[in-house]
């Protein structure tokens, strides 16, 4: 599975482990995390991660219909590394443990 940034037609951007599903027209994802932009006082933007679909069972694969996806692209190495750390169960700087 590769890690990808996925933009949905709803405007949400998520990052997840992605594989093509067996069903044509679907994308199977695991460990989805929403990417949330946070402006700071200097006028720059940082990002934060929050669990996407927080009430679903953790580790359950999710199938997205491709018609609900605007794009999916590879993240830059720094973002992928931060995502992998966030989803590995390590306590992050934000004090969140998955």
Protein backbone atom coordinates (compact mmCIF):
# COMPACT_ATOMS: atom_id res chain seq x y z
CA UNK A 1 0.00 0.00 0.00
CA UNK A 2 1.23 3.46 -0.79
CA UNK A 3 0.44 6.61 1.18
CA UNK A 4 -1.57 9.20 -0.77
CA UNK A 5 -3.26 12.54 -0.26
CA UNK A 6 -6.89 12.30 -1.36
CA UNK A 7 -9.13 15.30 -2.03
CA UNK A 8 -12.83 14.49 -1.86
CA UNK A 9 -15.62 16.28 -3.70
CA UNK A 10 -16.72 17.57 -0.26
CA UNK A 11 -13.47 19.58 -0.09
CA UNK A 12 -11.93 17.39 2.62
CA UNK A 13 -8.30 16.41 2.21
CA UNK A 14 -7.22 13.18 3.80
CA UNK A 15 -4.01 11.19 3.84
CA UNK A 16 -4.22 7.40 3.96
CA UNK A 17 -2.68 4.12 2.94
CA UNK A 18 -4.23 3.32 -0.43
CA UNK A 19 -4.70 0.26 -2.60
CA UNK A 20 -7.01 -0.32 -5.52
CA UNK A 21 -10.07 -2.24 -4.37
CA UNK A 22 -11.28 -5.40 -6.07
CA UNK A 23 -14.51 -3.60 -6.96
CA UNK A 24 -14.11 -1.48 -10.08
CA UNK A 25 -14.71 2.20 -9.35
CA UNK A 26 -13.55 2.00 -5.73
CA UNK A 27 -10.36 2.87 -3.87
CA UNK A 28 -9.60 0.97 -0.65
CA UNK A 29 -7.96 3.03 2.11
CA UNK A 30 -6.67 2.30 5.61
CA UNK A 31 -5.72 4.57 8.53
CA UNK A 32 -7.32 7.71 7.03
CA UNK A 33 -6.41 11.03 8.65
CA UNK A 34 -7.86 14.44 7.82
CA UNK A 35 -5.37 17.18 6.98
CA UNK A 36 -6.40 20.41 8.71
CA UNK A 37 -4.72 23.72 7.82
CA UNK A 38 -4.03 25.97 10.81
CA UNK A 39 -3.01 29.62 10.24
CA UNK A 40 -0.54 31.09 12.71
CA UNK A 41 0.05 34.66 13.88
CA UNK A 42 2.82 35.22 11.30
CA UNK A 43 0.38 34.64 8.46
CA UNK A 44 1.80 31.23 7.60
CA UNK A 45 -0.10 27.97 7.59
CA UNK A 46 0.76 24.79 9.43
CA UNK A 47 -1.16 21.55 9.30
CA UNK A 48 -2.60 19.22 11.90
CA UNK A 49 -3.89 15.68 11.65
CA UNK A 50 -7.17 14.43 13.08
CA UNK A 51 -8.63 10.98 12.71
CA UNK A 52 -11.04 10.81 9.79
CA UNK A 53 -14.24 8.94 10.65
CA UNK A 54 -13.33 8.86 14.35
CA UNK A 55 -16.32 6.69 15.26
CA UNK A 56 -15.44 3.87 12.89
CA UNK A 57 -13.54 0.81 14.07
CA UNK A 58 -9.81 1.51 13.92
CA UNK A 59 -7.94 -0.47 11.31
CA UNK A 60 -11.03 -1.22 9.25
CA UNK A 61 -10.41 -0.73 5.55
CA UNK A 62 -12.74 1.76 3.88
CA UNK A 63 -13.80 1.71 0.26
CA UNK A 64 -14.31 5.10 -1.39
CA UNK A 65 -16.17 5.44 -4.65
CA UNK A 66 -13.80 6.97 -7.18
CA UNK A 67 -16.54 9.37 -8.31
CA UNK A 68 -16.25 11.06 -4.89
CA UNK A 69 -12.50 11.69 -5.36
CA UNK A 70 -11.19 14.84 -7.04
CA UNK A 71 -7.57 13.66 -6.98
CA UNK A 72 -5.10 11.42 -5.18
CA UNK A 73 -1.40 12.22 -5.18
CA UNK A 74 1.76 11.15 -3.42
CA UNK A 75 2.67 13.34 -0.41
CA UNK A 76 6.07 14.94 0.00
CA UNK A 77 8.46 12.83 2.14
CA UNK A 78 8.13 15.09 5.21
CA UNK A 79 4.33 14.86 5.23
CA UNK A 80 4.42 11.09 4.70
CA UNK A 81 6.86 10.71 7.59
CA UNK A 82 4.63 12.82 9.88
CA UNK A 83 1.60 10.75 8.84
CA UNK A 84 3.37 7.46 9.53
CA UNK A 85 4.46 8.73 12.96
CA UNK A 86 0.92 9.91 13.74
CA UNK A 87 -0.64 6.59 12.77
CA UNK A 88 1.99 4.42 14.45
CA UNK A 89 0.56 4.99 17.94
CA UNK A 90 3.43 7.21 19.04
CA UNK A 91 2.40 10.22 21.12
CA UNK A 92 2.93 13.26 18.91
CA UNK A 93 3.73 16.86 19.80
CA UNK A 94 0.00 17.52 20.01
CA UNK A 95 -0.26 14.89 22.74
CA UNK A 96 -2.62 12.72 20.69
CA UNK A 97 -2.26 8.96 20.78
CA UNK A 98 -3.93 6.72 18.22
